[in-house]
């Protein structure tokens, strides 16, 4: 399953990268579309997919969410299905930004950059 904008475009990649917002479309795809012949593994905590998750997926398939590149894209969509709180996602992004900023500062102070 992936989430894409329904805005017209010339190719999948331009649609993915150039569309900032618009009406979205939830679409099912076989995993082979993404992985091809590469091997992959699906890890689950339990042996059974919870009924609640199946219900959420069915409901999501009937929606037409508003796509916004930075505010609601396929990652937000997937995390919503997994019941990940939005504040958890925001805090994670803030931590990554802090790590990147600190790394940049350390690189600037490095004697090798003189």
PDB file of N, CA and C in Angstrom:
ATOM      1  N   UNK A   1       0.842  -1.162   0.000  1.00  0.00           N
ATOM      2  CA  UNK A   1       0.000   0.000   0.000  1.00  0.00           C
ATOM      3  C   UNK A   1       0.892   1.231   0.000  1.00  0.00           C
ATOM      4  N   UNK A   2       0.564   2.196  -0.809  1.00  0.00           N
ATOM      5  CA  UNK A   2       1.303   3.444  -0.776  1.00  0.00           C
ATOM      6  C   UNK A   2       0.343   4.601  -0.941  1.00  0.00           C
ATOM      7  N   UNK A   3       0.796   5.786  -0.627  1.00  0.00           N
ATOM      8  CA  UNK A   3      -0.026   6.983  -0.676  1.00  0.00           C
ATOM      9  C   UNK A   3       0.599   7.902  -1.694  1.00  0.00           C
ATOM     10  N   UNK A   4      -0.186   8.337  -2.666  1.00  0.00           N
ATOM     11  CA  UNK A   4       0.367   9.204  -3.703  1.00  0.00           C
ATOM     12  C   UNK A   4      -0.612  10.315  -4.029  1.00  0.00           C
ATOM     13  N   UNK A   5      -0.085  11.367  -4.562  1.00  0.00           N
ATOM     14  CA  UNK A   5      -0.931  12.464  -4.991  1.00  0.00           C
ATOM     15  C   UNK A   5      -1.620  12.077  -6.287  1.00  0.00           C
ATOM     16  N   UNK A   6      -2.826  12.569  -6.485  1.00  0.00           N
ATOM     17  CA  UNK A   6      -3.539  12.289  -7.729  1.00  0.00           C
ATOM     18  C   UNK A   6      -3.321  13.400  -8.745  1.00  0.00           C
ATOM     19  N   UNK A   7      -2.419  14.336  -8.443  1.00  0.00           N
ATOM     20  CA  UNK A   7      -2.121  15.411  -9.379  1.00  0.00           C
ATOM     21  C   UNK A   7      -1.493  14.826 -10.637  1.00  0.00           C
ATOM     22  N   UNK A   8      -1.855  15.329 -11.839  1.00  0.00           N
ATOM     23  CA  UNK A   8      -1.268  14.795 -13.066  1.00  0.00           C
ATOM     24  C   UNK A   8       0.222  15.102 -13.136  1.00  0.00           C
ATOM     25  N   UNK A   9       0.990  14.152 -13.654  1.00  0.00           N
ATOM     26  CA  UNK A   9       2.425  14.356 -13.836  1.00  0.00           C
ATOM     27  C   UNK A   9       2.907  13.440 -14.935  1.00  0.00           C
ATOM     28  N   UNK A  10       4.132  13.689 -15.385  1.00  0.00           N
ATOM     29  CA  UNK A  10       4.646  12.909 -16.504  1.00  0.00           C
ATOM     30  C   UNK A  10       5.224  11.572 -16.083  1.00  0.00           C
ATOM     31  N   UNK A  11       5.665  11.462 -14.833  1.00  0.00           N
ATOM     32  CA  UNK A  11       6.233  10.190 -14.390  1.00  0.00           C
ATOM     33  C   UNK A  11       6.047  10.033 -12.894  1.00  0.00           C
ATOM     34  N   UNK A  12       6.242   8.802 -12.419  1.00  0.00           N
ATOM     35  CA  UNK A  12       6.092   8.524 -10.996  1.00  0.00           C
ATOM     36  C   UNK A  12       7.068   9.343 -10.180  1.00  0.00           C
ATOM     37  N   UNK A  13       8.328   9.437 -10.620  1.00  0.00           N
ATOM     38  CA  UNK A  13       9.329  10.134  -9.824  1.00  0.00           C
ATOM     39  C   UNK A  13       9.040  11.620  -9.750  1.00  0.00           C
ATOM     40  N   UNK A  14       8.595  12.221 -10.843  1.00  0.00           N
ATOM     41  CA  UNK A  14       8.295  13.642 -10.778  1.00  0.00           C
ATOM     42  C   UNK A  14       7.088  13.878  -9.888  1.00  0.00           C
ATOM     43  N   UNK A  15       6.146  12.956  -9.899  1.00  0.00           N
ATOM     44  CA  UNK A  15       4.968  13.070  -9.033  1.00  0.00           C
ATOM     45  C   UNK A  15       5.395  13.032  -7.580  1.00  0.00           C
ATOM     46  N   UNK A  16       6.272  12.126  -7.270  1.00  0.00           N
ATOM     47  CA  UNK A  16       6.721  11.939  -5.899  1.00  0.00           C
ATOM     48  C   UNK A  16       7.491  13.163  -5.409  1.00  0.00           C
ATOM     49  N   UNK A  17       8.334  13.711  -6.246  1.00  0.00           N
ATOM     50  CA  UNK A  17       9.245  14.761  -5.812  1.00  0.00           C
ATOM     51  C   UNK A  17       8.699  16.173  -5.996  1.00  0.00           C
ATOM     52  N   UNK A  18       7.866  16.406  -7.003  1.00  0.00           N
ATOM     53  CA  UNK A  18       7.451  17.761  -7.327  1.00  0.00           C
ATOM     54  C   UNK A  18       6.099  18.161  -6.772  1.00  0.00           C
ATOM     55  N   UNK A  19       5.263  17.227  -6.425  1.00  0.00           N
ATOM     56  CA  UNK A  19       3.935  17.561  -5.948  1.00  0.00           C
ATOM     57  C   UNK A  19       4.003  17.891  -4.466  1.00  0.00           C
ATOM     58  N   UNK A  20       3.684  19.114  -4.128  1.00  0.00           N
ATOM     59  CA  UNK A  20       3.762  19.550  -2.743  1.00  0.00           C
ATOM     60  C   UNK A  20       2.493  19.195  -1.983  1.00  0.00           C
ATOM     61  N   UNK A  21       1.333  19.366  -2.614  1.00  0.00           N
ATOM     62  CA  UNK A  21       0.084  19.044  -1.941  1.00  0.00           C
ATOM     63  C   UNK A  21      -0.996  18.755  -2.964  1.00  0.00           C
ATOM     64  N   UNK A  22      -2.085  18.207  -2.496  1.00  0.00           N
ATOM     65  CA  UNK A  22      -3.200  17.910  -3.381  1.00  0.00           C
ATOM     66  C   UNK A  22      -3.985  16.730  -2.862  1.00  0.00           C
ATOM     67  N   UNK A  23      -5.024  16.374  -3.599  1.00  0.00           N
ATOM     68  CA  UNK A  23      -5.844  15.239  -3.204  1.00  0.00           C
ATOM     69  C   UNK A  23      -5.016  13.965  -3.333  1.00  0.00           C
ATOM     70  N   UNK A  24      -5.122  13.075  -2.373  1.00  0.00           N
ATOM     71  CA  UNK A  24      -4.327  11.851  -2.383  1.00  0.00           C
ATOM     72  C   UNK A  24      -5.133  10.644  -2.790  1.00  0.00           C
ATOM     73  N   UNK A  25      -4.440   9.570  -3.099  1.00  0.00           N
ATOM     74  CA  UNK A  25      -5.065   8.314  -3.482  1.00  0.00           C
ATOM     75  C   UNK A  25      -4.358   7.192  -2.740  1.00  0.00           C
ATOM     76  N   UNK A  26      -5.099   6.349  -2.063  1.00  0.00           N
ATOM     77  CA  UNK A  26      -4.528   5.204  -1.363  1.00  0.00           C
ATOM     78  C   UNK A  26      -4.631   4.021  -2.305  1.00  0.00           C
ATOM     79  N   UNK A  27      -3.514   3.366  -2.559  1.00  0.00           N
ATOM     80  CA  UNK A  27      -3.503   2.306  -3.560  1.00  0.00           C
ATOM     81  C   UNK A  27      -2.763   1.083  -3.047  1.00  0.00           C
ATOM     82  N   UNK A  28      -3.286  -0.117  -3.351  1.00  0.00           N
ATOM     83  CA  UNK A  28      -2.622  -1.368  -2.968  1.00  0.00           C
ATOM     84  C   UNK A  28      -1.676  -1.783  -4.078  1.00  0.00           C
ATOM     85  N   UNK A  29      -0.504  -2.243  -3.695  1.00  0.00           N
ATOM     86  CA  UNK A  29       0.457  -2.779  -4.651  1.00  0.00           C
ATOM     87  C   UNK A  29       1.088  -4.015  -4.035  1.00  0.00           C
ATOM     88  N   UNK A  30       1.407  -4.971  -4.858  1.00  0.00           N
ATOM     89  CA  UNK A  30       2.122  -6.153  -4.406  1.00  0.00           C
ATOM     90  C   UNK A  30       3.522  -5.728  -3.992  1.00  0.00           C
ATOM     91  N   UNK A  31       4.068  -6.365  -2.987  1.00  0.00           N
ATOM     92  CA  UNK A  31       5.396  -6.008  -2.490  1.00  0.00           C
ATOM     93  C   UNK A  31       6.453  -6.121  -3.587  1.00  0.00           C
ATOM     94  N   UNK A  32       6.212  -6.955  -4.592  1.00  0.00           N
ATOM     95  CA  UNK A  32       7.177  -7.099  -5.683  1.00  0.00           C
ATOM     96  C   UNK A  32       7.345  -5.817  -6.483  1.00  0.00           C
ATOM     97  N   UNK A  33       6.345  -4.943  -6.462  1.00  0.00           N
ATOM     98  CA  UNK A  33       6.466  -3.654  -7.140  1.00  0.00           C
ATOM     99  C   UNK A  33       7.609  -2.866  -6.523  1.00  0.00           C
ATOM    100  N   UNK A  34       7.777  -2.978  -5.211  1.00  0.00           N
ATOM    101  CA  UNK A  34       8.804  -2.226  -4.517  1.00  0.00           C
ATOM    102  C   UNK A  34      10.129  -2.975  -4.428  1.00  0.00           C
ATOM    103  N   UNK A  35      10.084  -4.283  -4.283  1.00  0.00           N
ATOM    104  CA  UNK A  35      11.289  -5.069  -4.025  1.00  0.00           C
ATOM    105  C   UNK A  35      11.818  -5.801  -5.249  1.00  0.00           C
ATOM    106  N   UNK A  36      10.986  -5.973  -6.263  1.00  0.00           N
ATOM    107  CA  UNK A  36      11.422  -6.751  -7.415  1.00  0.00           C
ATOM    108  C   UNK A  36      11.743  -8.163  -6.990  1.00  0.00           C
ATOM    109  N   UNK A  37      12.903  -8.641  -7.406  1.00  0.00           N
ATOM    110  CA  UNK A  37      13.313  -9.997  -7.042  1.00  0.00           C
ATOM    111  C   UNK A  37      14.219 -10.015  -5.815  1.00  0.00           C
ATOM    112  N   UNK A  38      14.436  -8.829  -5.204  1.00  0.00           N
ATOM    113  CA  UNK A  38      15.260  -8.760  -4.000  1.00  0.00           C
ATOM    114  C   UNK A  38      14.564  -9.470  -2.846  1.00  0.00           C
ATOM    115  N   UNK A  39      15.366 -10.018  -1.945  1.00  0.00           N
ATOM    116  CA  UNK A  39      14.808 -10.676  -0.767  1.00  0.00           C
ATOM    117  C   UNK A  39      14.394  -9.617   0.248  1.00  0.00           C
ATOM    118  N   UNK A  40      13.365  -9.915   1.002  1.00  0.00           N
ATOM    119  CA  UNK A  40      12.914  -9.021   2.053  1.00  0.00           C
ATOM    120  C   UNK A  40      12.341  -9.846   3.191  1.00  0.00           C
ATOM    121  N   UNK A  41      12.231  -9.215   4.349  1.00  0.00           N
ATOM    122  CA  UNK A  41      11.705  -9.886   5.531  1.00  0.00           C
ATOM    123  C   UNK A  41      10.665  -8.969   6.161  1.00  0.00           C
ATOM    124  N   UNK A  42       9.597  -9.552   6.652  1.00  0.00           N
ATOM    125  CA  UNK A  42       8.581  -8.806   7.386  1.00  0.00           C
ATOM    126  C   UNK A  42       8.654  -9.261   8.836  1.00  0.00           C
ATOM    127  N   UNK A  43       8.986  -8.331   9.719  1.00  0.00           N
ATOM    128  CA  UNK A  43       9.064  -8.650  11.140  1.00  0.00           C
ATOM    129  C   UNK A  43       7.772  -8.215  11.813  1.00  0.00           C
ATOM    130  N   UNK A  44       7.217  -9.097  12.617  1.00  0.00           N
ATOM    131  CA  UNK A  44       6.021  -8.797  13.398  1.00  0.00           C
ATOM    132  C   UNK A  44       6.246  -9.231  14.826  1.00  0.00           C
ATOM    133  N   UNK A  45       5.661  -8.489  15.728  1.00  0.00           N
ATOM    134  CA  UNK A  45       5.786  -8.819  17.143  1.00  0.00           C
ATOM    135  C   UNK A  45       5.075 -10.132  17.460  1.00  0.00           C
ATOM    136  N   UNK A  46       3.901 -10.317  16.894  1.00  0.00           N
ATOM    137  CA  UNK A  46       3.106 -11.519  17.118  1.00  0.00           C
ATOM    138  C   UNK A  46       2.949 -12.258  15.793  1.00  0.00           C
ATOM    139  N   UNK A  47       2.438 -13.450  15.854  1.00  0.00           N
ATOM    140  CA  UNK A  47       2.213 -14.226  14.633  1.00  0.00           C
ATOM    141  C   UNK A  47       0.950 -13.810  13.894  1.00  0.00           C
ATOM    142  N   UNK A  48       0.127 -13.000  14.521  1.00  0.00           N
ATOM    143  CA  UNK A  48      -1.166 -12.654  13.945  1.00  0.00           C
ATOM    144  C   UNK A  48      -1.253 -11.148  13.724  1.00  0.00           C
ATOM    145  N   UNK A  49      -1.859 -10.744  12.613  1.00  0.00           N
ATOM    146  CA  UNK A  49      -2.115  -9.326  12.393  1.00  0.00           C
ATOM    147  C   UNK A  49      -3.380  -8.985  13.177  1.00  0.00           C
ATOM    148  N   UNK A  50      -3.309  -8.006  14.077  1.00  0.00           N
ATOM    149  CA  UNK A  50      -4.473  -7.676  14.899  1.00  0.00           C
ATOM    150  C   UNK A  50      -5.673  -7.243  14.050  1.00  0.00           C
ATOM    151  N   UNK A  51      -6.854  -7.616  14.483  1.00  0.00           N
ATOM    152  CA  UNK A  51      -8.088  -7.257  13.767  1.00  0.00           C
ATOM    153  C   UNK A  51      -8.230  -5.744  13.674  1.00  0.00           C
ATOM    154  N   UNK A  52      -7.804  -5.032  14.720  1.00  0.00           N
ATOM    155  CA  UNK A  52      -7.889  -3.567  14.727  1.00  0.00           C
ATOM    156  C   UNK A  52      -7.095  -2.981  13.553  1.00  0.00           C
ATOM    157  N   UNK A  53      -5.912  -3.541  13.298  1.00  0.00           N
ATOM    158  CA  UNK A  53      -5.083  -3.045  12.197  1.00  0.00           C
ATOM    159  C   UNK A  53      -5.765  -3.308  10.856  1.00  0.00           C
ATOM    160  N   UNK A  54      -6.310  -4.508  10.698  1.00  0.00           N
ATOM    161  CA  UNK A  54      -7.009  -4.835   9.449  1.00  0.00           C
ATOM    162  C   UNK A  54      -8.172  -3.877   9.211  1.00  0.00           C
ATOM    163  N   UNK A  55      -8.890  -3.549  10.273  1.00  0.00           N
ATOM    164  CA  UNK A  55     -10.008  -2.606  10.169  1.00  0.00           C
ATOM    165  C   UNK A  55      -9.506  -1.229   9.752  1.00  0.00           C
ATOM    166  N   UNK A  56      -8.406  -0.785  10.371  1.00  0.00           N
ATOM    167  CA  UNK A  56      -7.845   0.527  10.026  1.00  0.00           C
ATOM    168  C   UNK A  56      -7.411   0.573   8.565  1.00  0.00           C
ATOM    169  N   UNK A  57      -6.828  -0.515   8.069  1.00  0.00           N
ATOM    170  CA  UNK A  57      -6.399  -0.563   6.668  1.00  0.00           C
ATOM    171  C   UNK A  57      -7.611  -0.485   5.750  1.00  0.00           C
ATOM    172  N   UNK A  58      -8.664  -1.240   6.072  1.00  0.00           N
ATOM    173  CA  UNK A  58      -9.889  -1.187   5.249  1.00  0.00           C
ATOM    174  C   UNK A  58     -10.459   0.229   5.217  1.00  0.00           C
ATOM    175  N   UNK A  59     -10.494   0.879   6.377  1.00  0.00           N
ATOM    176  CA  UNK A  59     -11.001   2.251   6.446  1.00  0.00           C
ATOM    177  C   UNK A  59     -10.115   3.201   5.648  1.00  0.00           C
ATOM    178  N   UNK A  60      -8.801   3.013   5.746  1.00  0.00           N
ATOM    179  CA  UNK A  60      -7.864   3.878   5.024  1.00  0.00           C
ATOM    180  C   UNK A  60      -8.013   3.735   3.515  1.00  0.00           C
ATOM    181  N   UNK A  61      -8.323   2.533   3.068  1.00  0.00           N
ATOM    182  CA  UNK A  61      -8.480   2.296   1.630  1.00  0.00           C
ATOM    183  C   UNK A  61      -9.676   3.060   1.055  1.00  0.00           C
ATOM    184  N   UNK A  62     -10.616   3.432   1.907  1.00  0.00           N
ATOM    185  CA  UNK A  62     -11.804   4.151   1.451  1.00  0.00           C
ATOM    186  C   UNK A  62     -11.635   5.666   1.533  1.00  0.00           C
ATOM    187  N   UNK A  63     -10.545   6.134   2.116  1.00  0.00           N
ATOM    188  CA  UNK A  63     -10.328   7.570   2.306  1.00  0.00           C
ATOM    189  C   UNK A  63      -9.648   8.196   1.094  1.00  0.00           C
ATOM    190  N   UNK A  64      -9.776   9.493   0.998  1.00  0.00           N
ATOM    191  CA  UNK A  64      -9.027  10.288   0.029  1.00  0.00           C
ATOM    192  C   UNK A  64      -8.314  11.372   0.831  1.00  0.00           C
ATOM    193  N   UNK A  65      -7.179  11.031   1.439  1.00  0.00           N
ATOM    194  CA  UNK A  65      -6.491  11.989   2.307  1.00  0.00           C
ATOM    195  C   UNK A  65      -5.874  13.134   1.512  1.00  0.00           C
ATOM    196  N   UNK A  66      -5.662  14.245   2.179  1.00  0.00           N
ATOM    197  CA  UNK A  66      -5.007  15.401   1.580  1.00  0.00           C
ATOM    198  C   UNK A  66      -3.496  15.189   1.674  1.00  0.00           C
ATOM    199  N   UNK A  67      -2.825  15.136   0.523  1.00  0.00           N
ATOM    200  CA  UNK A  67      -1.378  14.920   0.471  1.00  0.00           C
ATOM    201  C   UNK A  67      -0.655  16.249   0.615  1.00  0.00           C
ATOM    202  N   UNK A  68       0.278  16.305   1.559  1.00  0.00           N
ATOM    203  CA  UNK A  68       1.145  17.470   1.722  1.00  0.00           C
ATOM    204  C   UNK A  68       2.544  16.923   1.939  1.00  0.00           C
ATOM    205  N   UNK A  69       3.445  17.269   1.072  1.00  0.00           N
ATOM    206  CA  UNK A  69       4.776  16.672   1.042  1.00  0.00           C
ATOM    207  C   UNK A  69       5.428  16.569   2.417  1.00  0.00           C
ATOM    208  N   UNK A  70       5.420  17.648   3.184  1.00  0.00           N
ATOM    209  CA  UNK A  70       6.112  17.637   4.469  1.00  0.00           C
ATOM    210  C   UNK A  70       5.191  17.400   5.657  1.00  0.00           C
ATOM    211  N   UNK A  71       3.886  17.540   5.473  1.00  0.00           N
ATOM    212  CA  UNK A  71       2.960  17.429   6.594  1.00  0.00           C
ATOM    213  C   UNK A  71       2.163  16.127   6.609  1.00  0.00           C
ATOM    214  N   UNK A  72       1.868  15.570   5.443  1.00  0.00           N
ATOM    215  CA  UNK A  72       1.121  14.303   5.398  1.00  0.00           C
ATOM    216  C   UNK A  72       1.453  13.572   4.107  1.00  0.00           C
ATOM    217  N   UNK A  73       2.443  12.701   4.189  1.00  0.00           N
ATOM    218  CA  UNK A  73       2.854  11.915   3.030  1.00  0.00           C
ATOM    219  C   UNK A  73       2.741  10.430   3.384  1.00  0.00           C
ATOM    220  N   UNK A  74       3.351   9.570   2.581  1.00  0.00           N
ATOM    221  CA  UNK A  74       3.208   8.129   2.791  1.00  0.00           C
ATOM    222  C   UNK A  74       3.741   7.672   4.150  1.00  0.00           C
ATOM    223  N   UNK A  75       4.758   8.349   4.657  1.00  0.00           N
ATOM    224  CA  UNK A  75       5.308   7.957   5.956  1.00  0.00           C
ATOM    225  C   UNK A  75       4.322   8.301   7.068  1.00  0.00           C
ATOM    226  N   UNK A  76       3.762   9.497   7.015  1.00  0.00           N
ATOM    227  CA  UNK A  76       2.743   9.880   7.996  1.00  0.00           C
ATOM    228  C   UNK A  76       1.559   8.913   7.935  1.00  0.00           C
ATOM    229  N   UNK A  77       1.172   8.551   6.714  1.00  0.00           N
ATOM    230  CA  UNK A  77       0.051   7.634   6.502  1.00  0.00           C
ATOM    231  C   UNK A  77       0.323   6.285   7.174  1.00  0.00           C
ATOM    232  N   UNK A  78       1.524   5.745   6.953  1.00  0.00           N
ATOM    233  CA  UNK A  78       1.884   4.443   7.531  1.00  0.00           C
ATOM    234  C   UNK A  78       1.955   4.514   9.054  1.00  0.00           C
ATOM    235  N   UNK A  79       2.558   5.576   9.575  1.00  0.00           N
ATOM    236  CA  UNK A  79       2.663   5.715  11.027  1.00  0.00           C
ATOM    237  C   UNK A  79       1.288   5.879  11.670  1.00  0.00           C
ATOM    238  N   UNK A  80       0.375   6.527  10.957  1.00  0.00           N
ATOM    239  CA  UNK A  80      -0.997   6.658  11.452  1.00  0.00           C
ATOM    240  C   UNK A  80      -1.665   5.285  11.554  1.00  0.00           C
ATOM    241  N   UNK A  81      -1.447   4.433  10.557  1.00  0.00           N
ATOM    242  CA  UNK A  81      -2.004   3.078  10.594  1.00  0.00           C
ATOM    243  C   UNK A  81      -1.445   2.278  11.762  1.00  0.00           C
ATOM    244  N   UNK A  82      -0.195   2.563  12.117  1.00  0.00           N
ATOM    245  CA  UNK A  82       0.465   1.844  13.209  1.00  0.00           C
ATOM    246  C   UNK A  82       0.209   2.482  14.572  1.00  0.00           C
ATOM    247  N   UNK A  83      -0.640   3.505  14.602  1.00  0.00           N
ATOM    248  CA  UNK A  83      -0.983   4.212  15.845  1.00  0.00           C
ATOM    249  C   UNK A  83       0.211   4.887  16.503  1.00  0.00           C
ATOM    250  N   UNK A  84       1.156   5.386  15.705  1.00  0.00           N
ATOM    251  CA  UNK A  84       2.274   6.149  16.250  1.00  0.00           C
ATOM    252  C   UNK A  84       1.779   7.578  16.450  1.00  0.00           C
ATOM    253  N   UNK A  85       1.928   8.077  17.655  1.00  0.00           N
ATOM    254  CA  UNK A  85       1.443   9.415  17.986  1.00  0.00           C
ATOM    255  C   UNK A  85       2.210  10.475  17.193  1.00  0.00           C
ATOM    256  N   UNK A  86       1.514  11.499  16.696  1.00  0.00           N
ATOM    257  CA  UNK A  86       2.184  12.573  15.945  1.00  0.00           C
ATOM    258  C   UNK A  86       3.293  13.249  16.739  1.00  0.00           C
ATOM    259  N   UNK A  87       3.108  13.402  18.061  1.00  0.00           N
ATOM    260  CA  UNK A  87       4.158  14.031  18.863  1.00  0.00           C
ATOM    261  C   UNK A  87       5.413  13.170  18.903  1.00  0.00           C
ATOM    262  N   UNK A  88       5.263  11.860  18.860  1.00  0.00           N
ATOM    263  CA  UNK A  88       6.420  10.960  18.821  1.00  0.00           C
ATOM    264  C   UNK A  88       7.214  11.194  17.542  1.00  0.00           C
ATOM    265  N   UNK A  89       6.521  11.326  16.436  1.00  0.00           N
ATOM    266  CA  UNK A  89       7.178  11.569  15.145  1.00  0.00           C
ATOM    267  C   UNK A  89       7.882  12.918  15.174  1.00  0.00           C
ATOM    268  N   UNK A  90       7.203  13.951  15.674  1.00  0.00           N
ATOM    269  CA  UNK A  90       7.807  15.288  15.739  1.00  0.00           C
ATOM    270  C   UNK A  90       9.047  15.283  16.627  1.00  0.00           C
ATOM    271  N   UNK A  91       8.983  14.610  17.770  1.00  0.00           N
ATOM    272  CA  UNK A  91      10.137  14.539  18.668  1.00  0.00           C
ATOM    273  C   UNK A  91      11.301  13.813  18.010  1.00  0.00           C
ATOM    274  N   UNK A  92      11.011  12.763  17.268  1.00  0.00           N
ATOM    275  CA  UNK A  92      12.049  12.021  16.558  1.00  0.00           C
ATOM    276  C   UNK A  92      12.730  12.926  15.532  1.00  0.00           C
ATOM    277  N   UNK A  93      11.942  13.671  14.780  1.00  0.00           N
ATOM    278  CA  UNK A  93      12.502  14.580  13.772  1.00  0.00           C
ATOM    279  C   UNK A  93      13.365  15.645  14.439  1.00  0.00           C
ATOM    280  N   UNK A  94      12.912  16.183  15.570  1.00  0.00           N
ATOM    281  CA  UNK A  94      13.702  17.184  16.295  1.00  0.00           C
ATOM    282  C   UNK A  94      15.044  16.607  16.745  1.00  0.00           C
ATOM    283  N   UNK A  95      15.031  15.352  17.228  1.00  0.00           N
ATOM    284  CA  UNK A  95      16.292  14.720  17.654  1.00  0.00           C
ATOM    285  C   UNK A  95      17.247  14.564  16.483  1.00  0.00           C
ATOM    286  N   UNK A  96      16.722  14.163  15.339  1.00  0.00           N
ATOM    287  CA  UNK A  96      17.575  14.009  14.153  1.00  0.00           C
ATOM    288  C   UNK A  96      18.155  15.355  13.742  1.00  0.00           C
ATOM    289  N   UNK A  97      17.328  16.399  13.747  1.00  0.00           N
ATOM    290  CA  UNK A  97      17.812  17.737  13.398  1.00  0.00           C
ATOM    291  C   UNK A  97      18.921  18.176  14.348  1.00  0.00           C
ATOM    292  N   UNK A  98      18.757  17.875  15.632  1.00  0.00           N
ATOM    293  CA  UNK A  98      19.767  18.246  16.627  1.00  0.00           C
ATOM    294  C   UNK A  98      21.072  17.495  16.369  1.00  0.00           C
ATOM    295  N   UNK A  99      20.977  16.215  16.057  1.00  0.00           N
ATOM    296  CA  UNK A  99      22.175  15.419  15.761  1.00  0.00           C
ATOM    297  C   UNK A  99      22.899  15.993  14.549  1.00  0.00           C
ATOM    298  N   UNK A 100      22.146  16.318  13.508  1.00  0.00           N
ATOM    299  CA  UNK A 100      22.754  16.871  12.285  1.00  0.00           C
ATOM    300  C   UNK A 100      23.412  18.212  12.578  1.00  0.00           C
ATOM    301  N   UNK A 101      22.733  19.063  13.344  1.00  0.00           N
ATOM    302  CA  UNK A 101      23.287  20.372  13.696  1.00  0.00           C
ATOM    303  C   UNK A 101      24.561  20.211  14.506  1.00  0.00           C
ATOM    304  N   UNK A 102      24.544  19.343  15.508  1.00  0.00           N
ATOM    305  CA  UNK A 102      25.733  19.118  16.335  1.00  0.00           C
ATOM    306  C   UNK A 102      26.874  18.547  15.516  1.00  0.00           C
ATOM    307  N   UNK A 103      26.568  17.646  14.591  1.00  0.00           N
ATOM    308  CA  UNK A 103      27.608  17.067  13.736  1.00  0.00           C
ATOM    309  C   UNK A 103      28.243  18.155  12.882  1.00  0.00           C
ATOM    310  N   UNK A 104      27.431  19.043  12.343  1.00  0.00           N
ATOM    311  CA  UNK A 104      27.949  20.135  11.517  1.00  0.00           C
ATOM    312  C   UNK A 104      28.860  21.036  12.333  1.00  0.00           C
ATOM    313  N   UNK A 105      28.451  21.343  13.574  1.00  0.00           N
ATOM    314  CA  UNK A 105      29.270  22.189  14.440  1.00  0.00           C
ATOM    315  C   UNK A 105      30.600  21.520  14.749  1.00  0.00           C
ATOM    316  N   UNK A 106      30.572  20.219  15.019  1.00  0.00           N
ATOM    317  CA  UNK A 106      31.810  19.488  15.306  1.00  0.00           C
ATOM    318  C   UNK A 106      32.732  19.475  14.097  1.00  0.00           C
ATOM    319  N   UNK A 107      32.170  19.297  12.918  1.00  0.00           N
ATOM    320  CA  UNK A 107      32.984  19.292  11.699  1.00  0.00           C
ATOM    321  C   UNK A 107      33.622  20.655  11.464  1.00  0.00           C
ATOM    322  N   UNK A 108      32.898  21.732  11.772  1.00  0.00           N
ATOM    323  CA  UNK A 108      33.440  23.082  11.614  1.00  0.00           C
ATOM    324  C   UNK A 108      34.604  23.320  12.567  1.00  0.00           C
ATOM    325  N   UNK A 109      34.545  22.739  13.771  1.00  0.00           N
ATOM    326  CA  UNK A 109      35.577  22.931  14.783  1.00  0.00           C
ATOM    327  C   UNK A 109      36.765  21.992  14.588  1.00  0.00           C
ATOM    328  N   UNK A 110      36.631  21.010  13.732  1.00  0.00           N
ATOM    329  CA  UNK A 110      37.684  20.020  13.539  1.00  0.00           C
ATOM    330  C   UNK A 110      38.947  20.674  12.989  1.00  0.00           C
ATOM    331  N   UNK A 111      40.137  20.311  13.537  1.00  0.00           N
ATOM    332  CA  UNK A 111      41.397  20.872  13.039  1.00  0.00           C
ATOM    333  C   UNK A 111      41.663  20.492  11.580  1.00  0.00           C
ATOM    334  N   UNK A 112      41.035  19.441  11.095  1.00  0.00           N
ATOM    335  CA  UNK A 112      41.241  19.024   9.711  1.00  0.00           C
ATOM    336  C   UNK A 112      40.587  19.980   8.724  1.00  0.00           C
ATOM    337  N   UNK A 113      39.653  20.789   9.188  1.00  0.00           N
ATOM    338  CA  UNK A 113      38.948  21.725   8.314  1.00  0.00           C
ATOM    339  C   UNK A 113      39.620  23.089   8.255  1.00  0.00           C
ATOM    340  N   UNK A 114      40.784  23.246   8.872  1.00  0.00           N
ATOM    341  CA  UNK A 114      41.468  24.545   8.917  1.00  0.00           C
ATOM    342  C   UNK A 114      42.118  24.854   7.615  1.00  0.00           C
TER     343      UNK A 114
END
